[in-house]
Amino acid sequence: MVKKLVWVAGGICLAAVGLVRPVWTQETLSIGAAGIDAQRLHELPYNLIGRKIAIGQVEIGRPGKFGLDKAVSKEPAIAPAGVFLRNGAAKANTNIDPHAQNVASIMISDRKTLAGIAPGARLYSTAVGSVKYAGQPEECLSAQSTASRNSGDVRAINFSFGETLERDPRPEARLDGNSLLTRCLDWSSRVHDVLYVIAGNQGKGGIPIPTDNYNGMNIAFSSRQDGIFRKVDVTNLSATGGGVKGRLRGREMNLGTRQSISLVAPGNRVFALNPDAKVKEVTGTSFAAPHVTATVALLQEYGDKQIKTAIASRPPIHSRGLRGSQNWSLDARRHQVMKAVLLNSADKVQDVGDGLRLGMSKTIIDKQNRNWIDSDAYRQPKVSLNSEIGAGQLNAFRAYEQFKAGQWQSLQPVPALGWNYHQLKANSAEDYVLAAPLKQGSYVAITLVWDRFVELRDKNQNSEFDLGEDFRDRGLNNLDLYLLNVDSNAAASKICTSTSEADSIEHIFCPVPTTGNYKIRVQFRQQVNQPSQPYAIAWWTVPAQ
């Protein structure tokens, strides 16, 4: 059983190197300054380890749990809050998978010498079970079950596995967003308000479903260059070359012009723990995704503290606009907000020290050694993300800074840094006027995200997915994003617009052409389903002063 589970997962995790006697320093670990810079958040004055935040994990197998499974070390470094088999309790000593244990350790290991990113988080891990007896319906059931744990308060769920198109029952199946599992995750994102983090497809013959989702995030993986995680690993799926790209569209990459990758995270030769607590060196997107999932737990711990403080000091009832204060409300828990914050704060091009490139710490390069500015995502408004890099590489500390800026409504001028969750009516626009002039030559990062609208075909009307049921895709409303001159309403420049017609993400990263006053506009361009569209937006700019 274990051998079969590992083999199935191997399509995503690639070759997991054997047990090693690792040599590392805290600075060179994937969670340190050479990677996502999350370790700094563990230390004072931040003291963030994901306390009381629930995150999930869905895989073919599951990590072991001390007290239930004999195969687990008597001194385990990870302690899942719960382990399950689909929508029921896990059976002792069954479905234990070293791959799932490796992934879990990256998220919640509490070993001092090899700490996870969020050792204080509550991890709920669900095994789908042997692929001989399970397919997409059972995987959907497992995802729904995981999202319902912790009294329905799970903030992010990690998927370090997937389905092959050969196993999809649809005739001539393609990555068009319509597999049952893909629609299931997009439905669950909205209904359970949870961010799904998916190990991005890699290499020809990978396991692509559900990487054609809209509402989650697909993660590619990076390797070290000069000791720093900054280069998209060569074994990630190539999106270059007209002929290759054309052949792979719909098979290994999303059908049409929609990009597959949201974000990059370290995944080459990173360290993880086996069920016997021994260290293992592993490689693949399977191990990049949990870096993102666990970072959500760090941010959410901070957000919950701010919400608690805001509610305790809330203004009189007649003046309450948000649930809490102006800058912190329960909107901070929304999956769209987390997605926008993580994408907008990603590293693209290293700042030289003058702050004009938003303090970014690394230049991230693709397999041809090109950075984000060299890509069509930078030059073409209709391309929102880089095909290999997405929005850049995860930087947990910058994500914290982005999130810490708080929520700002458009009712009054907004600061240089912030985020918001709002709704927009069809054929209307929302303007966020920046309070301070922007500095010429400084870069602006703005990210807008919203959901595809997927409904459950609920035969028994119990508001839950049951085996034998399916989903209905209601489509994607079309929103656009602009940086405009505040007086003339003219676009700051062509590249300061994002107008993709295929993606549920709009993203701007552009230099300010002249010092002056600007505003951000969200435009509801085309209604496809509901007449009111919820969205999240995050922005990061540099004031002239």
Protein backbone atom coordinates (compact mmCIF):
# COMPACT_ATOMS: atom_id res chain seq x y z
CA MET A 1 0.00 0.00 0.00
CA VAL A 2 2.68 2.51 0.96
CA LYS A 3 4.70 1.76 -2.17
CA LYS A 4 1.67 2.42 -4.35
CA LEU A 5 0.86 5.66 -2.57
CA VAL A 6 4.40 6.96 -2.99
CA TRP A 7 4.47 6.03 -6.67
CA VAL A 8 1.25 7.92 -7.39
CA ALA A 9 2.51 11.02 -5.61
CA GLY A 10 5.85 10.73 -7.42
CA GLY A 11 4.33 12.25 -10.54
CA ILE A 12 4.45 15.56 -8.74
CA CYS A 13 7.22 15.21 -6.22
CA LEU A 14 9.71 13.95 -8.82
CA ALA A 15 12.68 12.06 -7.42
CA ALA A 16 12.88 12.37 -3.66
CA VAL A 17 16.54 11.95 -2.81
CA GLY A 18 17.35 9.29 -0.20
CA LEU A 19 17.99 9.94 3.45
CA VAL A 20 20.78 12.46 3.89
CA ARG A 21 23.01 13.81 6.56
CA PRO A 22 22.07 17.41 5.87
CA VAL A 23 24.41 20.36 6.13
CA TRP A 24 22.62 23.68 6.42
CA THR A 25 22.41 26.92 8.25
CA GLN A 26 19.14 28.56 9.22
CA GLU A 27 19.81 31.29 6.64
CA THR A 28 20.12 28.85 3.72
CA LEU A 29 16.93 26.89 4.46
CA SER A 30 13.98 27.39 2.14
CA ILE A 31 12.09 29.14 4.95
CA GLY A 32 15.01 31.49 5.66
CA ALA A 33 16.40 34.55 3.90
CA ALA A 34 17.62 32.44 0.96
CA GLY A 35 14.05 31.28 0.40
CA ILE A 36 10.74 32.79 1.46
CA ASP A 37 12.05 34.72 4.51
CA ALA A 38 9.40 33.28 6.83
CA GLN A 39 11.79 32.47 9.64
CA ARG A 40 12.07 36.15 10.50
CA LEU A 41 8.35 36.14 11.33
CA HIS A 42 8.93 33.45 13.98
CA GLU A 43 11.19 35.80 15.91
CA LEU A 44 10.49 38.89 17.98
CA PRO A 45 8.90 41.33 17.53
CA TYR A 46 6.64 39.39 15.15
CA ASN A 47 6.32 36.09 17.03
CA LEU A 48 4.12 34.48 14.35
CA ILE A 49 3.97 30.69 14.08
CA GLY A 50 0.36 30.19 12.95
CA ARG A 51 -1.18 29.69 16.41
CA LYS A 52 -4.81 28.46 16.36
CA ILE A 53 -5.03 28.77 12.57
CA ALA A 54 -6.42 25.71 10.80
CA ILE A 55 -4.96 24.62 7.47
CA GLY A 56 -5.65 21.46 5.49
CA GLN A 57 -3.89 18.82 3.45
CA VAL A 58 -5.42 16.46 0.88
CA GLU A 59 -3.34 13.68 -0.68
CA ILE A 60 -3.58 10.05 -1.67
CA GLY A 61 -2.09 9.17 1.73
CA ARG A 62 -1.65 11.02 5.00
CA PRO A 63 1.02 11.76 7.60
CA GLY A 64 1.22 9.56 10.66
CA LYS A 65 -0.19 10.62 14.00
CA PHE A 66 1.47 9.69 17.27
CA GLY A 67 -0.85 7.62 19.46
CA LEU A 68 -2.73 6.26 16.44
CA ASP A 69 -0.03 4.87 14.17
CA LYS A 70 2.82 2.57 15.18
CA ALA A 71 5.06 3.69 12.32
CA VAL A 72 5.42 7.18 13.78
CA SER A 73 8.49 8.10 15.80
CA LYS A 74 8.02 8.27 19.57
CA GLU A 75 9.40 11.79 19.31
CA PRO A 76 7.42 13.11 16.35
CA ALA A 77 8.24 16.55 15.02
CA ILE A 78 4.78 17.01 13.56
CA ALA A 79 1.45 16.61 15.31
CA PRO A 80 -1.57 16.90 13.00
CA ALA A 81 -4.70 18.17 14.69
CA GLY A 82 -6.62 15.44 12.88
CA VAL A 83 -6.13 12.71 10.28
CA PHE A 84 -8.92 11.33 8.13
CA LEU A 85 -9.85 8.98 5.31
CA ARG A 86 -12.09 10.91 2.91
CA ASN A 87 -15.04 12.08 5.02
CA GLY A 88 -14.43 9.72 7.92
CA ALA A 89 -11.88 9.06 10.62
CA ALA A 90 -8.51 7.60 9.66
CA LYS A 91 -7.89 3.95 10.43
CA ALA A 92 -4.87 3.19 12.58
CA ASN A 93 -1.70 2.23 10.68
CA THR A 94 -3.32 2.61 7.24
CA ASN A 95 -2.77 5.09 4.40
CA ILE A 96 0.40 6.45 6.03
CA ASP A 97 2.49 7.99 3.28
CA PRO A 98 6.06 9.34 3.56
CA HIS A 99 5.26 11.89 0.83
CA ALA A 100 2.36 13.30 2.84
CA GLN A 101 4.58 13.30 5.94
CA ASN A 102 7.27 15.25 4.05
CA VAL A 103 4.74 17.84 2.91
CA ALA A 104 3.22 18.17 6.39
CA SER A 105 6.65 18.66 7.98
CA ILE A 106 7.37 21.66 5.76
CA MET A 107 4.21 23.22 7.12
CA ILE A 108 4.10 22.34 10.82
CA SER A 109 7.34 20.69 12.02
CA ASP A 110 8.21 21.94 15.51
CA ARG A 111 11.76 20.57 15.52
CA LYS A 112 14.02 23.44 16.51
CA THR A 113 16.74 22.50 14.04
CA LEU A 114 14.29 22.05 11.16
CA ALA A 115 11.18 24.03 11.96
CA GLY A 116 8.22 24.18 9.65
CA ILE A 117 6.84 27.47 8.41
CA ALA A 118 3.84 27.45 10.76
CA PRO A 119 4.64 25.07 13.64
CA GLY A 120 1.75 26.46 15.67
CA ALA A 121 -0.91 25.81 13.01
CA ARG A 122 -3.59 23.14 13.30
CA LEU A 123 -3.20 20.76 10.35
CA TYR A 124 -6.13 18.60 9.24
CA SER A 125 -4.88 15.95 6.84
CA THR A 126 -7.15 13.79 4.69
CA ALA A 127 -6.17 10.71 2.69
CA VAL A 128 -8.17 9.96 -0.43
CA GLY A 129 -7.00 6.34 -0.40
CA SER A 130 -5.74 4.01 -3.10
CA VAL A 131 -6.34 5.24 -6.65
CA LYS A 132 -7.69 1.76 -7.41
CA TYR A 133 -10.81 2.62 -5.44
CA ALA A 134 -10.88 6.42 -5.69
CA GLY A 135 -11.16 9.05 -8.38
CA GLN A 136 -12.22 12.67 -8.69
CA PRO A 137 -15.54 12.24 -6.83
CA GLU A 138 -13.73 10.78 -3.82
CA GLU A 139 -11.07 13.50 -4.07
CA CYS A 140 -13.79 16.15 -4.09
CA LEU A 141 -15.41 14.51 -1.07
CA SER A 142 -12.03 14.62 0.70
CA ALA A 143 -11.55 18.31 -0.11
CA GLN A 144 -15.05 19.18 1.12
CA SER A 145 -14.50 17.18 4.30
CA THR A 146 -11.19 18.93 4.98
CA ALA A 147 -12.72 22.37 4.39
CA SER A 148 -15.40 21.55 6.97
CA ARG A 149 -12.96 20.73 9.78
CA ASN A 150 -12.31 23.05 12.72
CA SER A 151 -15.99 24.00 12.75
CA GLY A 152 -15.73 25.08 9.12
CA ASP A 153 -12.86 27.48 9.74
CA VAL A 154 -9.97 26.20 7.60
CA ARG A 155 -8.07 29.03 5.91
CA ALA A 156 -6.02 27.19 3.26
CA ILE A 157 -5.78 23.62 1.92
CA ASN A 158 -2.68 22.10 0.35
CA PHE A 159 -2.97 19.82 -2.70
CA SER A 160 0.39 18.16 -3.42
CA PHE A 161 -1.13 15.63 -5.77
CA GLY A 162 -3.44 15.57 -8.76
CA GLU A 163 -5.25 13.55 -11.41
CA THR A 164 -4.07 12.58 -14.89
CA LEU A 165 -6.19 13.40 -17.91
CA GLU A 166 -6.10 9.70 -18.79
CA ARG A 167 -8.17 8.98 -15.68
CA ASP A 168 -10.69 11.74 -16.43
CA PRO A 169 -13.95 10.14 -17.69
CA ARG A 170 -14.77 12.97 -20.11
CA PRO A 171 -14.26 12.18 -23.80
CA GLU A 172 -11.12 13.93 -25.10
CA ALA A 173 -10.55 15.51 -21.68
CA ARG A 174 -8.63 18.79 -21.66
CA LEU A 175 -7.44 21.30 -19.05
CA ASP A 176 -10.40 23.59 -19.65
CA GLY A 177 -11.52 24.02 -16.05
CA ASN A 178 -14.38 21.53 -16.41
CA SER A 179 -13.15 18.37 -14.72
CA LEU A 180 -15.23 17.43 -11.70
CA LEU A 181 -12.35 17.97 -9.28
CA THR A 182 -11.45 21.37 -10.71
CA ARG A 183 -15.02 22.62 -10.54
CA CYS A 184 -15.29 21.13 -7.05
CA LEU A 185 -12.36 23.19 -5.77
CA ASP A 186 -13.64 26.38 -7.38
CA TRP A 187 -17.05 25.73 -5.78
CA SER A 188 -15.51 24.95 -2.40
CA SER A 189 -13.34 28.09 -2.51
CA ARG A 190 -16.47 30.19 -2.62
CA VAL A 191 -18.74 28.15 -0.36
CA HIS A 192 -16.17 27.31 2.34
CA ASP A 193 -14.11 30.48 1.85
CA VAL A 194 -10.82 28.58 1.71
CA LEU A 195 -7.71 29.13 -0.42
CA TYR A 196 -6.65 26.01 -2.31
CA VAL A 197 -2.91 25.84 -2.96
CA ILE A 198 -2.10 23.41 -5.77
CA ALA A 199 1.24 21.87 -6.70
CA GLY A 200 1.66 23.23 -10.23
CA ASN A 201 2.03 20.89 -13.16
CA GLN A 202 5.58 20.00 -14.08
CA GLY A 203 7.20 18.14 -16.94
CA LYS A 204 5.49 16.31 -19.78
CA GLY A 205 3.29 13.58 -18.38
CA GLY A 206 2.69 15.32 -15.08
CA ILE A 207 -0.52 15.22 -13.06
CA PRO A 208 -2.34 18.35 -14.26
CA ILE A 209 -5.86 18.20 -12.75
CA PRO A 210 -6.80 20.44 -10.85
CA THR A 211 -4.17 22.94 -12.07
CA ASP A 212 -6.82 24.36 -14.40
CA ASN A 213 -8.65 25.88 -11.42
CA TYR A 214 -9.53 29.59 -11.30
CA ASN A 215 -10.06 30.32 -7.62
CA GLY A 216 -6.99 28.70 -6.07
CA MET A 217 -3.26 29.17 -6.66
CA ASN A 218 -0.90 26.95 -8.69
CA ILE A 219 2.68 26.84 -7.45
CA ALA A 220 5.82 26.21 -9.51
CA PHE A 221 9.14 25.51 -7.81
CA SER A 222 12.52 27.18 -7.75
CA SER A 223 16.06 26.00 -7.23
CA ARG A 224 19.10 27.69 -5.73
CA GLN A 225 21.40 29.87 -7.78
CA ASP A 226 24.44 31.14 -5.87
CA GLY A 227 22.86 29.74 -2.72
CA ILE A 228 19.56 31.61 -3.15
CA PHE A 229 16.24 30.21 -4.33
CA ARG A 230 15.61 32.37 -7.39
CA LYS A 231 15.49 30.29 -10.59
CA VAL A 232 12.47 28.40 -11.89
CA ASP A 233 13.60 24.78 -11.84
CA VAL A 234 14.26 23.21 -15.24
CA THR A 235 11.90 20.33 -14.53
CA ASN A 236 8.87 22.61 -14.28
CA LEU A 237 6.70 22.44 -17.37
CA SER A 238 8.11 24.61 -20.16
CA ALA A 239 5.75 27.18 -21.61
CA THR A 240 8.16 28.42 -24.25
CA GLY A 241 8.37 27.66 -27.93
CA GLY A 242 5.41 27.99 -30.24
CA GLY A 243 5.24 24.35 -31.35
CA VAL A 244 5.74 22.87 -27.89
CA LYS A 245 3.37 25.36 -26.33
CA GLY A 246 0.70 24.60 -28.91
CA ARG A 247 0.97 20.84 -28.41
CA LEU A 248 0.79 21.09 -24.64
CA ARG A 249 -2.15 23.50 -24.48
CA GLY A 250 -5.06 21.69 -22.93
CA ARG A 251 -2.92 18.68 -22.02
CA GLU A 252 -0.18 19.99 -19.72
CA MET A 253 -1.18 23.66 -19.68
CA ASN A 254 -4.50 25.46 -19.51
CA LEU A 255 -6.51 25.54 -22.69
CA GLY A 256 -6.52 28.96 -24.40
CA THR A 257 -4.53 31.96 -23.19
CA ARG A 258 -5.11 31.54 -19.45
CA GLN A 259 -1.87 31.13 -17.52
CA SER A 260 -1.23 28.09 -15.34
CA ILE A 261 1.21 29.33 -12.69
CA SER A 262 0.29 31.80 -9.94
CA LEU A 263 3.44 31.86 -7.83
CA VAL A 264 6.87 30.26 -7.40
CA ALA A 265 8.22 28.85 -4.13
CA PRO A 266 11.36 26.88 -3.18
CA GLY A 267 11.15 23.20 -4.08
CA ASN A 268 14.53 21.92 -5.23
CA ARG A 269 16.51 19.99 -2.61
CA VAL A 270 14.57 21.23 0.38
CA PHE A 271 14.56 19.37 3.70
CA ALA A 272 11.62 17.46 5.10
CA LEU A 273 10.92 14.79 7.73
CA ASN A 274 9.85 11.17 7.29
CA PRO A 275 7.43 9.30 9.61
CA ASP A 276 10.47 8.01 11.55
CA ALA A 277 11.53 11.67 12.05
CA LYS A 278 14.64 11.27 9.89
CA VAL A 279 15.56 14.11 7.55
CA LYS A 280 15.04 13.70 3.82
CA GLU A 281 16.06 15.93 0.92
CA VAL A 282 13.17 16.30 -1.53
CA THR A 283 12.44 18.02 -4.82
CA GLY A 284 9.26 18.99 -6.68
CA THR A 285 6.21 21.22 -6.76
CA SER A 286 4.80 19.02 -4.01
CA PHE A 287 7.20 20.74 -1.64
CA ALA A 288 6.82 24.24 -3.02
CA ALA A 289 3.05 24.36 -2.42
CA PRO A 290 3.21 23.85 1.39
CA HIS A 291 5.48 26.90 1.67
CA VAL A 292 2.51 28.94 0.44
CA THR A 293 -0.17 27.13 2.46
CA ALA A 294 1.75 27.54 5.71
CA THR A 295 2.49 31.20 5.01
CA VAL A 296 -1.28 31.78 5.00
CA ALA A 297 -1.32 30.50 8.60
CA LEU A 298 1.30 33.07 9.65
CA LEU A 299 -0.63 35.91 8.04
CA GLN A 300 -3.92 34.74 9.46
CA GLU A 301 -2.53 34.58 12.99
CA TYR A 302 -1.53 38.22 12.62
CA GLY A 303 -4.88 39.12 11.06
CA ASP A 304 -6.89 37.45 13.82
CA LYS A 305 -4.96 39.43 16.43
CA GLN A 306 -5.80 42.66 14.62
CA ILE A 307 -9.46 41.71 14.24
CA LYS A 308 -9.70 40.93 17.96
CA THR A 309 -8.14 44.29 18.84
CA ALA A 310 -10.39 46.09 16.37
CA ILE A 311 -13.57 44.52 17.73
CA ALA A 312 -12.55 45.33 21.30
CA SER A 313 -12.16 48.99 20.40
CA ARG A 314 -14.96 49.25 17.83
CA PRO A 315 -16.72 52.60 17.48
CA PRO A 316 -20.34 53.20 18.48
CA ILE A 317 -22.82 51.10 16.54
CA HIS A 318 -24.13 54.01 14.46
CA SER A 319 -20.66 54.61 12.99
CA ARG A 320 -19.73 51.02 12.14
CA GLY A 321 -19.08 50.50 8.46
CA LEU A 322 -16.99 47.33 8.77
CA ARG A 323 -17.16 44.56 11.35
CA GLY A 324 -14.36 45.99 13.46
CA SER A 325 -12.36 49.11 12.71
CA GLN A 326 -11.81 50.77 9.36
CA ASN A 327 -8.61 48.85 8.72
CA TRP A 328 -9.37 45.39 10.14
CA SER A 329 -12.50 43.31 9.70
CA LEU A 330 -13.45 39.69 9.09
CA ASP A 331 -12.70 40.39 5.43
CA ALA A 332 -9.05 39.74 6.36
CA ARG A 333 -9.93 36.02 6.51
CA ARG A 334 -11.28 35.82 2.97
CA HIS A 335 -9.49 33.57 0.50
CA GLN A 336 -9.52 36.30 -2.18
CA VAL A 337 -7.68 38.68 0.17
CA MET A 338 -5.01 36.08 0.94
CA LYS A 339 -4.55 35.38 -2.76
CA ALA A 340 -4.22 39.06 -3.65
CA VAL A 341 -1.78 39.72 -0.79
CA LEU A 342 0.46 36.75 -1.63
CA LEU A 343 0.59 37.58 -5.33
CA ASN A 344 1.12 41.30 -4.94
CA SER A 345 3.97 40.96 -2.45
CA ALA A 346 5.94 38.38 -4.47
CA ASP A 347 9.57 39.00 -5.40
CA LYS A 348 10.19 39.85 -9.06
CA VAL A 349 13.22 42.10 -9.52
CA GLN A 350 15.63 42.92 -6.70
CA ASP A 351 15.55 46.42 -5.30
CA VAL A 352 18.96 48.15 -5.50
CA GLY A 353 18.42 49.83 -2.14
CA ASP A 354 16.54 52.98 -3.13
CA GLY A 355 13.12 51.43 -2.57
CA LEU A 356 11.94 52.11 -6.12
CA ARG A 357 11.35 48.42 -6.72
CA LEU A 358 9.30 48.10 -3.56
CA GLY A 359 12.09 46.58 -1.48
CA MET A 360 12.04 43.28 -3.36
CA SER A 361 14.83 41.01 -2.15
CA LYS A 362 15.47 38.76 -5.16
CA THR A 363 15.43 38.77 -8.94
CA ILE A 364 13.50 35.67 -10.00
CA ILE A 365 14.44 34.19 -13.38
CA ASP A 366 12.84 31.62 -15.64
CA LYS A 367 14.57 28.67 -17.28
CA GLN A 368 15.99 30.94 -19.99
CA ASN A 369 17.39 33.32 -17.31
CA ARG A 370 14.83 36.01 -18.11
CA ASN A 371 13.16 38.02 -15.36
CA TRP A 372 9.60 39.31 -15.07
CA ILE A 373 10.37 42.54 -16.94
CA ASP A 374 11.58 40.50 -19.93
CA SER A 375 8.23 38.73 -20.25
CA ASP A 376 5.03 39.32 -22.19
CA ALA A 377 3.23 39.78 -18.85
CA TYR A 378 5.18 43.04 -18.45
CA ARG A 379 4.61 44.29 -22.00
CA GLN A 380 1.09 43.11 -22.86
CA PRO A 381 -1.96 44.27 -20.87
CA LYS A 382 -3.96 41.19 -21.85
CA VAL A 383 -1.39 38.87 -20.22
CA SER A 384 -1.75 39.15 -16.47
CA LEU A 385 0.92 36.70 -15.25
CA ASN A 386 4.26 35.33 -16.42
CA SER A 387 3.84 31.85 -17.87
CA GLU A 388 6.69 30.37 -15.77
CA ILE A 389 7.02 32.77 -12.83
CA GLY A 390 3.39 33.76 -12.29
CA ALA A 391 3.45 36.94 -10.18
CA GLY A 392 6.90 36.12 -8.79
CA GLN A 393 8.30 34.10 -5.89
CA LEU A 394 6.66 33.91 -2.49
CA ASN A 395 8.16 36.26 0.09
CA ALA A 396 6.46 35.64 3.43
CA PHE A 397 7.89 38.72 5.10
CA ARG A 398 6.81 41.04 2.28
CA ALA A 399 3.39 39.36 2.36
CA TYR A 400 3.23 40.24 6.05
CA GLU A 401 4.10 43.86 5.25
CA GLN A 402 1.43 43.96 2.54
CA PHE A 403 -1.19 42.45 4.83
CA LYS A 404 -0.19 44.55 7.84
CA ALA A 405 -1.04 47.74 5.92
CA GLY A 406 -4.69 46.88 6.51
CA GLN A 407 -7.98 47.27 4.69
CA TRP A 408 -8.82 50.56 3.03
CA GLN A 409 -12.12 51.42 1.38
CA SER A 410 -12.32 53.76 -1.59
CA LEU A 411 -14.53 56.27 0.23
CA GLN A 412 -11.48 58.42 0.93
CA PRO A 413 -7.88 58.61 -0.39
CA VAL A 414 -5.91 55.48 0.42
CA PRO A 415 -2.29 55.11 1.61
CA ALA A 416 0.59 53.90 -0.53
CA LEU A 417 0.21 50.34 0.72
CA GLY A 418 -2.98 48.43 1.44
CA TRP A 419 -5.72 46.01 0.41
CA ASN A 420 -9.49 45.82 0.25
CA TYR A 421 -12.38 43.41 -0.21
CA HIS A 422 -15.41 44.86 -1.94
CA GLN A 423 -18.22 44.21 -4.42
CA LEU A 424 -18.77 45.88 -7.76
CA LYS A 425 -21.98 46.11 -9.81
CA ALA A 426 -22.00 45.33 -13.51
CA ASN A 427 -20.93 48.14 -15.85
CA SER A 428 -19.52 50.21 -13.00
CA ALA A 429 -16.07 51.09 -11.66
CA GLU A 430 -14.42 51.67 -8.30
CA ASP A 431 -11.58 54.19 -7.95
CA TYR A 432 -8.93 54.11 -5.22
CA VAL A 433 -7.30 57.54 -5.14
CA LEU A 434 -3.77 57.37 -3.74
CA ALA A 435 -3.37 59.99 -1.02
CA ALA A 436 0.26 60.87 -1.85
CA PRO A 437 1.86 61.60 -5.23
CA LEU A 438 3.88 58.73 -6.67
CA LYS A 439 7.58 59.06 -7.41
CA GLN A 440 8.80 59.00 -11.00
CA GLY A 441 10.63 55.76 -11.80
CA SER A 442 9.23 53.93 -8.80
CA TYR A 443 7.31 50.75 -9.44
CA VAL A 444 3.68 50.08 -8.71
CA ALA A 445 2.37 46.59 -7.91
CA ILE A 446 -1.40 46.04 -7.99
CA THR A 447 -3.28 42.73 -7.93
CA LEU A 448 -7.00 42.16 -8.45
CA VAL A 449 -8.59 38.73 -7.92
CA TRP A 450 -12.12 37.36 -8.06
CA ASP A 451 -13.82 33.97 -8.35
CA ARG A 452 -15.27 31.93 -11.13
CA PHE A 453 -18.87 31.17 -10.13
CA VAL A 454 -19.43 27.41 -9.82
CA GLU A 455 -22.64 25.93 -8.39
CA LEU A 456 -23.34 22.49 -6.96
CA ARG A 457 -25.99 20.42 -8.74
CA ASP A 458 -27.43 19.38 -5.41
CA LYS A 459 -29.76 16.44 -6.09
CA ASN A 460 -30.76 15.85 -2.47
CA GLN A 461 -30.71 19.55 -1.47
CA ASN A 462 -28.42 19.04 1.53
CA SER A 463 -25.99 21.80 0.45
CA GLU A 464 -23.13 19.29 0.33
CA PHE A 465 -21.41 17.39 -2.45
CA ASP A 466 -22.35 13.72 -2.45
CA LEU A 467 -21.06 10.94 -4.66
CA GLY A 468 -23.04 10.98 -7.89
CA GLU A 469 -23.48 14.76 -7.92
CA ASP A 470 -21.78 17.29 -10.17
CA PHE A 471 -21.20 21.02 -10.61
CA ARG A 472 -22.37 23.74 -12.96
CA ASP A 473 -19.93 26.34 -14.26
CA ARG A 474 -21.65 29.73 -14.41
CA GLY A 475 -18.58 31.33 -15.98
CA LEU A 476 -16.31 34.21 -15.11
CA ASN A 477 -17.29 37.88 -14.95
CA ASN A 478 -14.68 40.08 -16.63
CA LEU A 479 -12.95 42.75 -14.51
CA ASP A 480 -10.13 45.06 -15.61
CA LEU A 481 -7.48 46.98 -13.68
CA TYR A 482 -5.86 50.37 -14.39
CA LEU A 483 -3.44 52.89 -12.92
CA LEU A 484 -4.78 56.29 -14.03
CA ASN A 485 -3.74 59.92 -13.74
CA VAL A 486 -6.06 61.27 -11.09
CA ASP A 487 -7.10 64.36 -13.06
CA SER A 488 -7.22 63.24 -16.67
CA ASN A 489 -8.41 59.65 -16.19
CA ALA A 490 -5.80 58.70 -18.77
CA ALA A 491 -3.82 55.49 -18.23
CA ALA A 492 -0.42 56.15 -16.68
CA SER A 493 1.01 54.03 -19.51
CA LYS A 494 0.04 51.06 -21.62
CA ILE A 495 1.80 48.64 -19.29
CA CYS A 496 0.03 50.14 -16.27
CA THR A 497 -3.15 48.33 -17.33
CA SER A 498 -4.25 44.71 -17.00
CA THR A 499 -7.15 43.61 -19.16
CA SER A 500 -7.00 39.83 -19.52
CA GLU A 501 -10.17 38.34 -20.94
CA ALA A 502 -9.41 34.81 -19.72
CA ASP A 503 -8.01 35.02 -16.19
CA SER A 504 -9.59 35.66 -12.79
CA ILE A 505 -6.49 37.70 -11.94
CA GLU A 506 -5.38 41.12 -13.14
CA HIS A 507 -1.88 42.20 -12.20
CA ILE A 508 0.12 45.38 -12.80
CA PHE A 509 3.83 45.86 -12.20
CA CYS A 510 4.97 49.05 -13.91
CA PRO A 511 7.18 52.12 -13.40
CA VAL A 512 5.55 55.49 -12.71
CA PRO A 513 6.17 57.68 -15.81
CA THR A 514 6.13 61.07 -14.03
CA THR A 515 5.82 62.24 -10.44
CA GLY A 516 2.19 63.05 -9.76
CA ASN A 517 -1.17 61.98 -8.39
CA TYR A 518 -2.68 58.69 -9.45
CA LYS A 519 -5.60 56.41 -8.76
CA ILE A 520 -6.34 52.71 -9.17
CA ARG A 521 -9.49 51.76 -11.07
CA VAL A 522 -11.35 48.44 -10.93
CA GLN A 523 -13.72 48.18 -13.91
CA PHE A 524 -16.55 45.63 -14.18
CA ARG A 525 -16.20 45.17 -17.92
CA GLN A 526 -18.58 42.31 -18.75
CA GLN A 527 -21.24 40.47 -16.79
CA VAL A 528 -21.35 36.72 -17.40
CA ASN A 529 -23.10 35.47 -14.25
CA GLN A 530 -24.08 37.48 -11.16
CA PRO A 531 -24.70 41.26 -11.48
CA SER A 532 -22.55 41.98 -8.41
CA GLN A 533 -18.96 40.71 -8.27
CA PRO A 534 -16.97 40.38 -5.01
CA TYR A 535 -13.24 41.03 -5.45
CA ALA A 536 -10.05 41.58 -3.49
CA ILE A 537 -7.37 44.07 -4.40
CA ALA A 538 -3.88 44.74 -3.01
CA TRP A 539 -1.54 47.59 -3.93
CA TRP A 540 2.04 48.63 -3.14
CA THR A 541 3.41 51.99 -4.29
CA VAL A 542 6.17 54.47 -3.44
CA PRO A 543 5.14 58.01 -2.36
CA ALA A 544 7.15 60.88 -3.84
CA GLN A 545 8.19 62.20 -0.44
